[in-house]
Amino acid sequence: VGAVPYGFDLSEGEKLIKNDKAIVVLDMIDKIKTGMSASALCKYLNKTNNDRVWHVQGVLRLLRNPALYGATRWVDAVYENTHEGMITKSEFDKLQQLLEDRSQHFMREVRSTYLFQGALSCPVCGHMMAVNRYLRKRKDGSEYQGAVYRCKNCHREGREMLTIGENRFVDALKEYMKTVSFTDIEPVKEKD
């Protein structure tokens, strides 16, 4: 048995059984049904329910768990009727549709490539550095774009976050390429 979902305990027979927190889960479902967003629900729970700190992804994970209607997800399969659920399968399906309808899927427009993304590791901790693209306006009103690479792992762990501008890496690459010579390379023949 994996992690026991919030609102359930594990019986001696290793079946999920509702506990006194089931009422909180049912209240969460009601609030979603009446239009509350997952983010607002998270804030509400953190004010009214002091047994844990709630995060949006944790709320969504709980509300998407088939354990709510009496099924168990294990690896890539869902096993039906493994225990008594808090809601019916039909109510669960409606809840999933509500959550999906409210989900926002954005595709960001990117004007340029991230030249070093996935290629730079932090010299302090060894984790990959993340790229942040920015757009700025000059005094004359024209715009320019730039990028900085940061170690978010160092920041998460309380160390000073290393931040390096992309131009420094481009300049270093240009200097390095001056020392590289290519020999025994055949030219690429262009197609007619």
N, C-alpha and C. Protein backbone atom coordinates (compact mmCIF):
# COMPACT_ATOMS: atom_id res chain seq x y z
N VAL A 1 0.85 -1.18 0.00
CA VAL A 1 0.00 0.00 0.00
C VAL A 1 0.89 1.24 0.00
N GLY A 2 0.54 2.18 -0.84
CA GLY A 2 1.30 3.43 -0.91
C GLY A 2 0.85 4.39 0.18
N ALA A 3 0.99 5.68 -0.09
CA ALA A 3 0.59 6.70 0.89
C ALA A 3 -0.93 6.66 1.08
N VAL A 4 -1.35 6.81 2.31
CA VAL A 4 -2.79 6.81 2.62
C VAL A 4 -3.33 8.21 2.36
N PRO A 5 -4.35 8.33 1.51
CA PRO A 5 -4.88 9.66 1.17
C PRO A 5 -5.51 10.36 2.37
N TYR A 6 -5.46 11.68 2.36
CA TYR A 6 -6.07 12.49 3.40
C TYR A 6 -7.56 12.16 3.46
N GLY A 7 -8.08 12.00 4.69
CA GLY A 7 -9.48 11.65 4.88
C GLY A 7 -9.70 10.16 5.07
N PHE A 8 -8.63 9.39 4.97
CA PHE A 8 -8.72 7.94 5.14
C PHE A 8 -7.66 7.47 6.15
N ASP A 9 -7.94 6.32 6.74
CA ASP A 9 -6.96 5.58 7.53
C ASP A 9 -6.86 4.20 6.91
N LEU A 10 -5.88 3.44 7.34
CA LEU A 10 -5.71 2.08 6.85
C LEU A 10 -6.18 1.12 7.92
N SER A 11 -7.11 0.24 7.59
CA SER A 11 -7.64 -0.73 8.56
C SER A 11 -6.62 -1.84 8.77
N GLU A 12 -6.90 -2.70 9.76
CA GLU A 12 -6.01 -3.83 10.01
C GLU A 12 -5.95 -4.76 8.81
N GLY A 13 -7.05 -4.81 8.05
CA GLY A 13 -7.09 -5.63 6.84
C GLY A 13 -6.49 -4.91 5.64
N GLU A 14 -5.82 -3.78 5.88
CA GLU A 14 -5.17 -2.96 4.86
C GLU A 14 -6.14 -2.45 3.81
N LYS A 15 -7.34 -2.06 4.25
CA LYS A 15 -8.31 -1.39 3.38
C LYS A 15 -8.44 0.04 3.87
N LEU A 16 -8.72 0.94 2.93
CA LEU A 16 -8.92 2.32 3.32
C LEU A 16 -10.29 2.47 3.99
N ILE A 17 -10.30 3.18 5.11
CA ILE A 17 -11.55 3.50 5.79
C ILE A 17 -11.57 5.00 6.07
N LYS A 18 -12.75 5.60 5.96
CA LYS A 18 -12.89 7.04 6.19
C LYS A 18 -12.55 7.35 7.65
N ASN A 19 -11.91 8.50 7.86
CA ASN A 19 -11.63 8.95 9.22
C ASN A 19 -12.33 10.28 9.48
N ASP A 20 -12.04 10.93 10.60
CA ASP A 20 -12.73 12.17 10.95
C ASP A 20 -12.39 13.33 10.01
N LYS A 21 -11.39 13.20 9.17
CA LYS A 21 -11.04 14.24 8.20
C LYS A 21 -11.84 14.12 6.91
N ALA A 22 -12.63 13.07 6.78
CA ALA A 22 -13.45 12.88 5.58
C ALA A 22 -14.41 14.05 5.40
N ILE A 23 -14.88 14.62 6.51
CA ILE A 23 -15.79 15.76 6.43
C ILE A 23 -15.11 16.97 5.78
N VAL A 24 -13.81 17.11 6.01
CA VAL A 24 -13.03 18.19 5.40
C VAL A 24 -12.96 17.97 3.89
N VAL A 25 -12.73 16.72 3.49
CA VAL A 25 -12.64 16.40 2.06
C VAL A 25 -13.99 16.66 1.38
N LEU A 26 -15.08 16.25 2.02
CA LEU A 26 -16.40 16.49 1.44
C LEU A 26 -16.70 17.99 1.34
N ASP A 27 -16.25 18.76 2.32
CA ASP A 27 -16.41 20.21 2.27
C ASP A 27 -15.60 20.79 1.10
N MET A 28 -14.39 20.26 0.87
CA MET A 28 -13.56 20.70 -0.24
C MET A 28 -14.29 20.47 -1.56
N ILE A 29 -14.87 19.29 -1.70
CA ILE A 29 -15.60 18.95 -2.93
C ILE A 29 -16.77 19.89 -3.13
N ASP A 30 -17.52 20.15 -2.06
CA ASP A 30 -18.66 21.08 -2.14
C ASP A 30 -18.22 22.48 -2.56
N LYS A 31 -17.11 22.94 -2.02
CA LYS A 31 -16.62 24.28 -2.34
C LYS A 31 -16.21 24.36 -3.82
N ILE A 32 -15.59 23.32 -4.33
CA ILE A 32 -15.23 23.28 -5.75
C ILE A 32 -16.49 23.30 -6.61
N LYS A 33 -17.50 22.50 -6.21
CA LYS A 33 -18.75 22.44 -6.96
C LYS A 33 -19.48 23.78 -7.00
N THR A 34 -19.33 24.58 -5.93
CA THR A 34 -20.02 25.87 -5.89
C THR A 34 -19.20 26.99 -6.51
N GLY A 35 -18.05 26.65 -7.12
CA GLY A 35 -17.31 27.64 -7.88
C GLY A 35 -15.99 28.10 -7.30
N MET A 36 -15.62 27.62 -6.13
CA MET A 36 -14.35 28.04 -5.53
C MET A 36 -13.19 27.43 -6.34
N SER A 37 -12.17 28.22 -6.58
CA SER A 37 -11.00 27.72 -7.30
C SER A 37 -10.12 26.91 -6.36
N ALA A 38 -9.24 26.11 -6.91
CA ALA A 38 -8.32 25.32 -6.10
C ALA A 38 -7.40 26.23 -5.29
N SER A 39 -7.02 27.35 -5.87
CA SER A 39 -6.15 28.30 -5.17
C SER A 39 -6.89 28.93 -3.98
N ALA A 40 -8.13 29.34 -4.19
CA ALA A 40 -8.92 29.92 -3.11
C ALA A 40 -9.21 28.86 -2.04
N LEU A 41 -9.45 27.63 -2.47
CA LEU A 41 -9.69 26.54 -1.53
C LEU A 41 -8.46 26.30 -0.67
N CYS A 42 -7.31 26.36 -1.28
CA CYS A 42 -6.05 26.18 -0.56
C CYS A 42 -5.90 27.26 0.52
N LYS A 43 -6.16 28.50 0.17
CA LYS A 43 -6.08 29.60 1.15
C LYS A 43 -7.09 29.39 2.28
N TYR A 44 -8.30 28.99 1.92
CA TYR A 44 -9.35 28.74 2.90
C TYR A 44 -8.91 27.64 3.88
N LEU A 45 -8.39 26.53 3.33
CA LEU A 45 -7.97 25.41 4.19
C LEU A 45 -6.84 25.81 5.13
N ASN A 46 -5.92 26.64 4.66
CA ASN A 46 -4.81 27.06 5.51
C ASN A 46 -5.27 27.97 6.64
N LYS A 47 -6.42 28.64 6.46
CA LYS A 47 -6.97 29.48 7.53
C LYS A 47 -7.83 28.67 8.50
N THR A 48 -8.52 27.66 8.00
CA THR A 48 -9.52 26.97 8.82
C THR A 48 -9.09 25.59 9.30
N ASN A 49 -8.09 25.00 8.69
CA ASN A 49 -7.71 23.63 8.99
C ASN A 49 -6.23 23.59 9.34
N ASN A 50 -5.93 23.55 10.62
CA ASN A 50 -4.53 23.70 11.04
C ASN A 50 -3.78 22.38 11.23
N ASP A 51 -4.27 21.28 10.66
CA ASP A 51 -3.56 20.02 10.83
C ASP A 51 -2.45 19.81 9.80
N ARG A 52 -2.37 20.69 8.80
CA ARG A 52 -1.31 20.61 7.79
C ARG A 52 -1.28 21.91 7.00
N VAL A 53 -0.22 22.11 6.24
CA VAL A 53 -0.12 23.24 5.33
C VAL A 53 -0.57 22.75 3.96
N TRP A 54 -1.52 23.45 3.37
CA TRP A 54 -2.08 23.05 2.08
C TRP A 54 -1.41 23.83 0.96
N HIS A 55 -1.16 23.14 -0.16
CA HIS A 55 -0.65 23.74 -1.38
C HIS A 55 -1.61 23.36 -2.51
N VAL A 56 -1.69 24.19 -3.52
CA VAL A 56 -2.64 23.97 -4.61
C VAL A 56 -2.48 22.59 -5.23
N GLN A 57 -1.24 22.19 -5.51
CA GLN A 57 -1.04 20.88 -6.15
C GLN A 57 -1.48 19.74 -5.25
N GLY A 58 -1.30 19.90 -3.94
CA GLY A 58 -1.77 18.88 -3.00
C GLY A 58 -3.28 18.77 -2.98
N VAL A 59 -3.96 19.92 -3.04
CA VAL A 59 -5.42 19.94 -3.09
C VAL A 59 -5.90 19.24 -4.36
N LEU A 60 -5.30 19.59 -5.50
CA LEU A 60 -5.70 18.98 -6.77
C LEU A 60 -5.41 17.48 -6.79
N ARG A 61 -4.28 17.09 -6.24
CA ARG A 61 -3.92 15.66 -6.21
C ARG A 61 -4.97 14.89 -5.40
N LEU A 62 -5.39 15.45 -4.27
CA LEU A 62 -6.41 14.81 -3.44
C LEU A 62 -7.74 14.71 -4.19
N LEU A 63 -8.14 15.81 -4.83
CA LEU A 63 -9.43 15.84 -5.53
C LEU A 63 -9.44 14.96 -6.79
N ARG A 64 -8.26 14.62 -7.30
CA ARG A 64 -8.18 13.76 -8.49
C ARG A 64 -7.93 12.29 -8.14
N ASN A 65 -7.85 12.00 -6.86
CA ASN A 65 -7.53 10.64 -6.42
C ASN A 65 -8.78 9.76 -6.48
N PRO A 66 -8.73 8.64 -7.23
CA PRO A 66 -9.89 7.75 -7.33
C PRO A 66 -10.28 7.11 -6.00
N ALA A 67 -9.45 7.24 -4.97
CA ALA A 67 -9.82 6.73 -3.65
C ALA A 67 -11.09 7.40 -3.16
N LEU A 68 -11.38 8.61 -3.65
CA LEU A 68 -12.58 9.32 -3.23
C LEU A 68 -13.85 8.53 -3.53
N TYR A 69 -13.86 7.75 -4.60
CA TYR A 69 -15.06 6.98 -4.93
C TYR A 69 -14.91 5.48 -4.65
N GLY A 70 -13.79 5.08 -4.02
CA GLY A 70 -13.64 3.68 -3.63
C GLY A 70 -12.73 2.85 -4.50
N ALA A 71 -11.90 3.50 -5.32
CA ALA A 71 -10.96 2.77 -6.17
C ALA A 71 -9.53 3.08 -5.70
N THR A 72 -8.61 2.26 -6.15
CA THR A 72 -7.21 2.45 -5.78
C THR A 72 -6.37 2.52 -7.05
N ARG A 73 -5.55 3.57 -7.16
CA ARG A 73 -4.61 3.68 -8.28
C ARG A 73 -3.30 3.09 -7.82
N TRP A 74 -2.78 2.17 -8.64
CA TRP A 74 -1.50 1.56 -8.34
C TRP A 74 -0.72 1.50 -9.64
N VAL A 75 0.42 2.14 -9.69
CA VAL A 75 1.25 2.30 -10.86
C VAL A 75 0.39 2.94 -11.95
N ASP A 76 0.10 2.25 -13.04
CA ASP A 76 -0.69 2.83 -14.13
C ASP A 76 -2.09 2.26 -14.21
N ALA A 77 -2.55 1.57 -13.18
CA ALA A 77 -3.87 0.94 -13.23
C ALA A 77 -4.74 1.45 -12.08
N VAL A 78 -6.06 1.44 -12.31
CA VAL A 78 -7.02 1.79 -11.28
C VAL A 78 -7.85 0.55 -10.98
N TYR A 79 -7.88 0.15 -9.73
CA TYR A 79 -8.61 -1.03 -9.29
C TYR A 79 -9.90 -0.56 -8.62
N GLU A 80 -11.03 -0.98 -9.16
CA GLU A 80 -12.34 -0.53 -8.70
C GLU A 80 -12.77 -1.28 -7.44
N ASN A 81 -13.63 -0.62 -6.65
CA ASN A 81 -14.29 -1.22 -5.48
C ASN A 81 -13.32 -1.84 -4.48
N THR A 82 -12.25 -1.14 -4.17
CA THR A 82 -11.29 -1.66 -3.19
C THR A 82 -11.65 -1.27 -1.77
N HIS A 83 -12.53 -0.28 -1.62
CA HIS A 83 -12.96 0.19 -0.30
C HIS A 83 -14.20 1.07 -0.48
N GLU A 84 -14.79 1.48 0.64
CA GLU A 84 -15.95 2.36 0.57
C GLU A 84 -15.47 3.79 0.31
N GLY A 85 -16.02 4.41 -0.72
CA GLY A 85 -15.62 5.76 -1.07
C GLY A 85 -16.40 6.82 -0.30
N MET A 86 -16.00 8.06 -0.48
CA MET A 86 -16.70 9.19 0.13
C MET A 86 -17.80 9.71 -0.78
N ILE A 87 -17.62 9.54 -2.09
CA ILE A 87 -18.60 9.98 -3.09
C ILE A 87 -18.77 8.85 -4.11
N THR A 88 -19.76 8.98 -4.96
CA THR A 88 -19.99 7.95 -5.99
C THR A 88 -19.04 8.18 -7.17
N LYS A 89 -18.93 7.17 -8.01
CA LYS A 89 -18.11 7.28 -9.23
C LYS A 89 -18.65 8.39 -10.12
N SER A 90 -19.96 8.50 -10.22
CA SER A 90 -20.59 9.54 -11.03
C SER A 90 -20.23 10.94 -10.51
N GLU A 91 -20.28 11.12 -9.19
CA GLU A 91 -19.91 12.41 -8.60
C GLU A 91 -18.43 12.70 -8.84
N PHE A 92 -17.60 11.66 -8.74
CA PHE A 92 -16.17 11.81 -8.98
C PHE A 92 -15.91 12.25 -10.42
N ASP A 93 -16.60 11.62 -11.38
CA ASP A 93 -16.43 11.97 -12.79
C ASP A 93 -16.84 13.43 -13.04
N LYS A 94 -17.93 13.87 -12.41
CA LYS A 94 -18.36 15.26 -12.56
C LYS A 94 -17.33 16.21 -11.97
N LEU A 95 -16.76 15.83 -10.83
CA LEU A 95 -15.71 16.64 -10.20
C LEU A 95 -14.50 16.75 -11.12
N GLN A 96 -14.11 15.64 -11.74
CA GLN A 96 -12.96 15.66 -12.65
C GLN A 96 -13.22 16.59 -13.84
N GLN A 97 -14.46 16.56 -14.35
CA GLN A 97 -14.82 17.43 -15.47
C GLN A 97 -14.76 18.89 -15.06
N LEU A 98 -15.24 19.19 -13.85
CA LEU A 98 -15.17 20.57 -13.32
C LEU A 98 -13.71 21.03 -13.24
N LEU A 99 -12.86 20.18 -12.68
CA LEU A 99 -11.44 20.54 -12.53
C LEU A 99 -10.78 20.74 -13.89
N GLU A 100 -11.10 19.86 -14.84
CA GLU A 100 -10.52 19.98 -16.19
C GLU A 100 -11.00 21.24 -16.89
N ASP A 101 -12.28 21.54 -16.76
CA ASP A 101 -12.84 22.74 -17.40
C ASP A 101 -12.21 24.02 -16.87
N ARG A 102 -11.80 23.98 -15.61
CA ARG A 102 -11.21 25.18 -14.99
C ARG A 102 -9.71 25.27 -15.19
N SER A 103 -9.10 24.18 -15.65
CA SER A 103 -7.65 24.18 -15.86
C SER A 103 -7.29 25.14 -16.97
N GLN A 104 -6.19 25.83 -16.79
CA GLN A 104 -5.73 26.75 -17.81
C GLN A 104 -4.46 26.19 -18.42
N HIS A 105 -4.47 26.08 -19.73
CA HIS A 105 -3.31 25.55 -20.45
C HIS A 105 -2.78 26.68 -21.34
N PHE A 106 -1.63 27.21 -20.97
CA PHE A 106 -1.05 28.32 -21.71
C PHE A 106 0.17 27.86 -22.48
N MET A 107 0.31 28.37 -23.67
CA MET A 107 1.51 28.14 -24.46
C MET A 107 2.14 29.51 -24.67
N ARG A 108 3.31 29.69 -24.14
CA ARG A 108 3.99 30.96 -24.18
C ARG A 108 4.65 31.18 -25.53
N GLU A 109 4.59 32.40 -26.03
CA GLU A 109 5.27 32.72 -27.28
C GLU A 109 6.73 33.06 -26.97
N VAL A 110 7.63 32.34 -27.60
CA VAL A 110 9.05 32.55 -27.36
C VAL A 110 9.66 33.13 -28.63
N ARG A 111 10.33 34.27 -28.48
CA ARG A 111 10.90 34.95 -29.65
C ARG A 111 12.30 34.47 -30.00
N SER A 112 12.95 33.79 -29.09
CA SER A 112 14.30 33.33 -29.38
C SER A 112 14.56 32.01 -28.66
N THR A 113 15.67 31.40 -29.00
CA THR A 113 16.01 30.13 -28.38
C THR A 113 16.81 30.36 -27.12
N TYR A 114 16.77 29.38 -26.26
CA TYR A 114 17.58 29.40 -25.05
C TYR A 114 18.84 28.61 -25.36
N LEU A 115 19.85 29.30 -25.76
CA LEU A 115 21.06 28.69 -26.30
C LEU A 115 21.70 27.66 -25.37
N PHE A 116 21.75 27.96 -24.08
CA PHE A 116 22.46 27.08 -23.15
C PHE A 116 21.53 26.29 -22.23
N GLN A 117 20.22 26.29 -22.50
CA GLN A 117 19.28 25.58 -21.64
C GLN A 117 19.59 24.10 -21.62
N GLY A 118 19.68 23.56 -20.41
CA GLY A 118 19.98 22.13 -20.25
C GLY A 118 21.45 21.79 -20.40
N ALA A 119 22.29 22.81 -20.63
CA ALA A 119 23.71 22.55 -20.86
C ALA A 119 24.60 23.11 -19.75
N LEU A 120 24.06 23.98 -18.90
CA LEU A 120 24.87 24.61 -17.87
C LEU A 120 24.52 24.08 -16.49
N SER A 121 25.54 23.66 -15.77
CA SER A 121 25.28 23.21 -14.40
C SER A 121 25.93 24.18 -13.43
N CYS A 122 25.33 24.29 -12.27
CA CYS A 122 25.80 25.23 -11.24
C CYS A 122 27.15 24.76 -10.71
N PRO A 123 28.13 25.66 -10.63
CA PRO A 123 29.43 25.26 -10.10
C PRO A 123 29.41 25.01 -8.59
N VAL A 124 28.36 25.45 -7.89
CA VAL A 124 28.26 25.26 -6.45
C VAL A 124 27.65 23.90 -6.10
N CYS A 125 26.48 23.58 -6.72
CA CYS A 125 25.77 22.35 -6.33
C CYS A 125 25.68 21.31 -7.43
N GLY A 126 25.98 21.68 -8.68
CA GLY A 126 25.97 20.73 -9.78
C GLY A 126 24.63 20.56 -10.47
N HIS A 127 23.56 21.19 -9.97
CA HIS A 127 22.25 21.10 -10.62
C HIS A 127 22.22 21.96 -11.88
N MET A 128 21.31 21.60 -12.80
CA MET A 128 21.13 22.39 -14.01
C MET A 128 20.65 23.80 -13.67
N MET A 129 21.15 24.75 -14.42
CA MET A 129 20.72 26.13 -14.21
C MET A 129 19.49 26.39 -15.07
N ALA A 130 18.55 27.15 -14.54
CA ALA A 130 17.32 27.50 -15.24
C ALA A 130 17.52 28.85 -15.94
N VAL A 131 16.81 29.03 -17.03
CA VAL A 131 16.94 30.27 -17.78
C VAL A 131 15.72 31.16 -17.54
N ASN A 132 15.98 32.44 -17.40
CA ASN A 132 14.92 33.44 -17.29
C ASN A 132 15.12 34.48 -18.37
N ARG A 133 14.16 34.58 -19.26
CA ARG A 133 14.21 35.55 -20.35
C ARG A 133 13.54 36.83 -19.86
N TYR A 134 14.08 37.98 -20.25
CA TYR A 134 13.46 39.24 -19.87
C TYR A 134 13.40 40.17 -21.07
N LEU A 135 12.48 41.10 -21.01
CA LEU A 135 12.27 42.10 -22.05
C LEU A 135 12.35 43.46 -21.38
N ARG A 136 13.19 44.34 -21.89
CA ARG A 136 13.37 45.67 -21.30
C ARG A 136 13.20 46.74 -22.36
N LYS A 137 12.86 47.94 -21.91
CA LYS A 137 12.77 49.10 -22.81
C LYS A 137 13.94 50.02 -22.55
N ARG A 138 14.52 50.49 -23.65
CA ARG A 138 15.59 51.48 -23.54
C ARG A 138 14.97 52.86 -23.37
N LYS A 139 15.80 53.84 -23.04
CA LYS A 139 15.30 55.21 -22.86
C LYS A 139 14.67 55.76 -24.13
N ASP A 140 15.16 55.28 -25.29
CA ASP A 140 14.61 55.77 -26.56
C ASP A 140 13.31 55.06 -26.94
N GLY A 141 12.85 54.12 -26.10
CA GLY A 141 11.59 53.43 -26.35
C GLY A 141 11.73 52.08 -27.05
N SER A 142 12.90 51.81 -27.62
CA SER A 142 13.10 50.52 -28.27
C SER A 142 13.22 49.42 -27.21
N GLU A 143 12.95 48.20 -27.63
CA GLU A 143 13.00 47.08 -26.69
C GLU A 143 14.18 46.17 -26.99
N TYR A 144 14.67 45.51 -25.96
CA TYR A 144 15.69 44.49 -26.15
C TYR A 144 15.38 43.33 -25.22
N GLN A 145 15.91 42.16 -25.61
CA GLN A 145 15.69 40.94 -24.85
C GLN A 145 17.01 40.43 -24.32
N GLY A 146 16.96 39.79 -23.21
CA GLY A 146 18.14 39.18 -22.65
C GLY A 146 17.75 37.94 -21.87
N ALA A 147 18.76 37.25 -21.36
CA ALA A 147 18.49 36.06 -20.56
C ALA A 147 19.53 35.96 -19.47
N VAL A 148 19.11 35.43 -18.34
CA VAL A 148 20.03 35.11 -17.26
C VAL A 148 19.80 33.66 -16.88
N TYR A 149 20.86 33.02 -16.46
CA TYR A 149 20.80 31.64 -16.00
C TYR A 149 20.99 31.66 -14.49
N ARG A 150 20.08 30.93 -13.79
CA ARG A 150 20.10 30.95 -12.33
C ARG A 150 20.05 29.53 -11.80
N CYS A 151 20.63 29.36 -10.62
CA CYS A 151 20.53 28.06 -9.95
C CYS A 151 19.40 28.14 -8.93
N LYS A 152 18.28 27.58 -9.30
CA LYS A 152 17.12 27.62 -8.40
C LYS A 152 17.29 26.63 -7.24
N ASN A 153 18.10 25.60 -7.43
CA ASN A 153 18.34 24.65 -6.35
C ASN A 153 19.07 25.33 -5.19
N CYS A 154 20.09 26.13 -5.50
CA CYS A 154 20.80 26.85 -4.44
C CYS A 154 19.85 27.77 -3.70
N HIS A 155 18.98 28.45 -4.44
CA HIS A 155 18.01 29.36 -3.82
C HIS A 155 17.08 28.58 -2.89
N ARG A 156 16.57 27.43 -3.36
CA ARG A 156 15.66 26.61 -2.54
C ARG A 156 16.32 26.14 -1.25
N GLU A 157 17.62 25.86 -1.33
CA GLU A 157 18.33 25.34 -0.17
C GLU A 157 18.93 26.44 0.69
N GLY A 158 18.58 27.71 0.39
CA GLY A 158 18.99 28.82 1.25
C GLY A 158 20.35 29.40 0.94
N ARG A 159 21.00 28.93 -0.11
CA ARG A 159 22.28 29.53 -0.51
C ARG A 159 21.99 30.70 -1.43
N GLU A 160 22.98 31.55 -1.60
CA GLU A 160 22.82 32.66 -2.54
C GLU A 160 22.63 32.09 -3.94
N MET A 161 21.63 32.60 -4.64
CA MET A 161 21.32 32.08 -5.98
C MET A 161 22.31 32.67 -6.98
N LEU A 162 23.06 31.81 -7.62
CA LEU A 162 24.01 32.21 -8.64
C LEU A 162 23.25 32.65 -9.88
N THR A 163 23.52 33.85 -10.38
CA THR A 163 22.86 34.39 -11.57
C THR A 163 23.93 34.89 -12.53
N ILE A 164 23.89 34.38 -13.78
CA ILE A 164 24.89 34.77 -14.78
C ILE A 164 24.16 35.12 -16.07
N GLY A 165 24.49 36.27 -16.64
CA GLY A 165 23.88 36.70 -17.89
C GLY A 165 24.33 35.85 -19.07
N GLU A 166 23.41 35.62 -20.01
CA GLU A 166 23.70 34.78 -21.17
C GLU A 166 24.87 35.34 -21.98
N ASN A 167 25.00 36.65 -22.06
CA ASN A 167 26.08 37.25 -22.84
C ASN A 167 27.46 36.84 -22.33
N ARG A 168 27.59 36.63 -21.03
CA ARG A 168 28.89 36.17 -20.50
C ARG A 168 29.23 34.79 -21.05
N PHE A 169 28.22 33.92 -21.15
CA PHE A 169 28.46 32.59 -21.71
C PHE A 169 28.76 32.66 -23.20
N VAL A 170 28.06 33.53 -23.92
CA VAL A 170 28.30 33.70 -25.36
C VAL A 170 29.72 34.19 -25.59
N ASP A 171 30.14 35.19 -24.81
CA ASP A 171 31.50 35.73 -24.94
C ASP A 171 32.55 34.65 -24.63
N ALA A 172 32.31 33.87 -23.58
CA ALA A 172 33.24 32.80 -23.22
C ALA A 172 33.31 31.75 -24.32
N LEU A 173 32.16 31.43 -24.93
CA LEU A 173 32.14 30.46 -26.02
C LEU A 173 32.92 30.98 -27.23
N LYS A 174 32.74 32.26 -27.54
CA LYS A 174 33.48 32.86 -28.67
C LYS A 174 34.98 32.79 -28.42
N GLU A 175 35.41 33.11 -27.21
CA GLU A 175 36.84 33.04 -26.88
C GLU A 175 37.35 31.61 -27.00
N TYR A 176 36.57 30.66 -26.50
CA TYR A 176 36.97 29.26 -26.58
C TYR A 176 37.08 28.81 -28.04
N MET A 177 36.13 29.21 -28.86
CA MET A 177 36.12 28.77 -30.26
C MET A 177 37.33 29.30 -31.04
N LYS A 178 37.94 30.38 -30.56
CA LYS A 178 39.15 30.89 -31.20
C LYS A 178 40.30 29.89 -31.07
N THR A 179 40.24 29.03 -30.06
CA THR A 179 41.32 28.07 -29.82
C THR A 179 41.07 26.72 -30.50
N VAL A 180 39.91 26.58 -31.11
CA VAL A 180 39.53 25.31 -31.72
C VAL A 180 39.81 25.37 -33.22
N SER A 181 40.42 24.29 -33.72
CA SER A 181 40.61 24.24 -35.17
C SER A 181 39.95 22.96 -35.69
N PHE A 182 39.37 23.08 -36.85
CA PHE A 182 38.68 21.96 -37.48
C PHE A 182 39.54 21.47 -38.63
N THR A 183 39.93 20.21 -38.56
CA THR A 183 40.70 19.61 -39.63
C THR A 183 40.01 18.34 -40.10
N ASP A 184 40.32 17.95 -41.29
CA ASP A 184 39.76 16.72 -41.87
C ASP A 184 38.23 16.73 -41.89
N ILE A 185 37.66 17.88 -42.17
CA ILE A 185 36.20 17.96 -42.30
C ILE A 185 35.89 18.25 -43.75
N GLU A 186 35.06 17.42 -44.31
CA GLU A 186 34.67 17.63 -45.71
C GLU A 186 33.53 18.64 -45.76
N PRO A 187 33.57 19.52 -46.73
CA PRO A 187 32.49 20.50 -46.85
C PRO A 187 31.16 19.82 -47.22
N VAL A 188 30.10 20.39 -46.75
CA VAL A 188 28.76 19.87 -47.06
C VAL A 188 28.40 20.31 -48.46
N LYS A 189 27.97 19.34 -49.26
CA LYS A 189 27.60 19.68 -50.65
C LYS A 189 26.16 20.13 -50.65
N GLU A 190 25.94 21.28 -51.27
CA GLU A 190 24.58 21.82 -51.37
C GLU A 190 23.82 21.10 -52.46
N LYS A 191 22.53 20.88 -52.20
CA LYS A 191 21.68 20.26 -53.22
C LYS A 191 21.29 21.29 -54.24
N ASP A 192 21.15 20.86 -55.49
CA ASP A 192 20.77 21.78 -56.56
C ASP A 192 19.35 22.20 -56.45
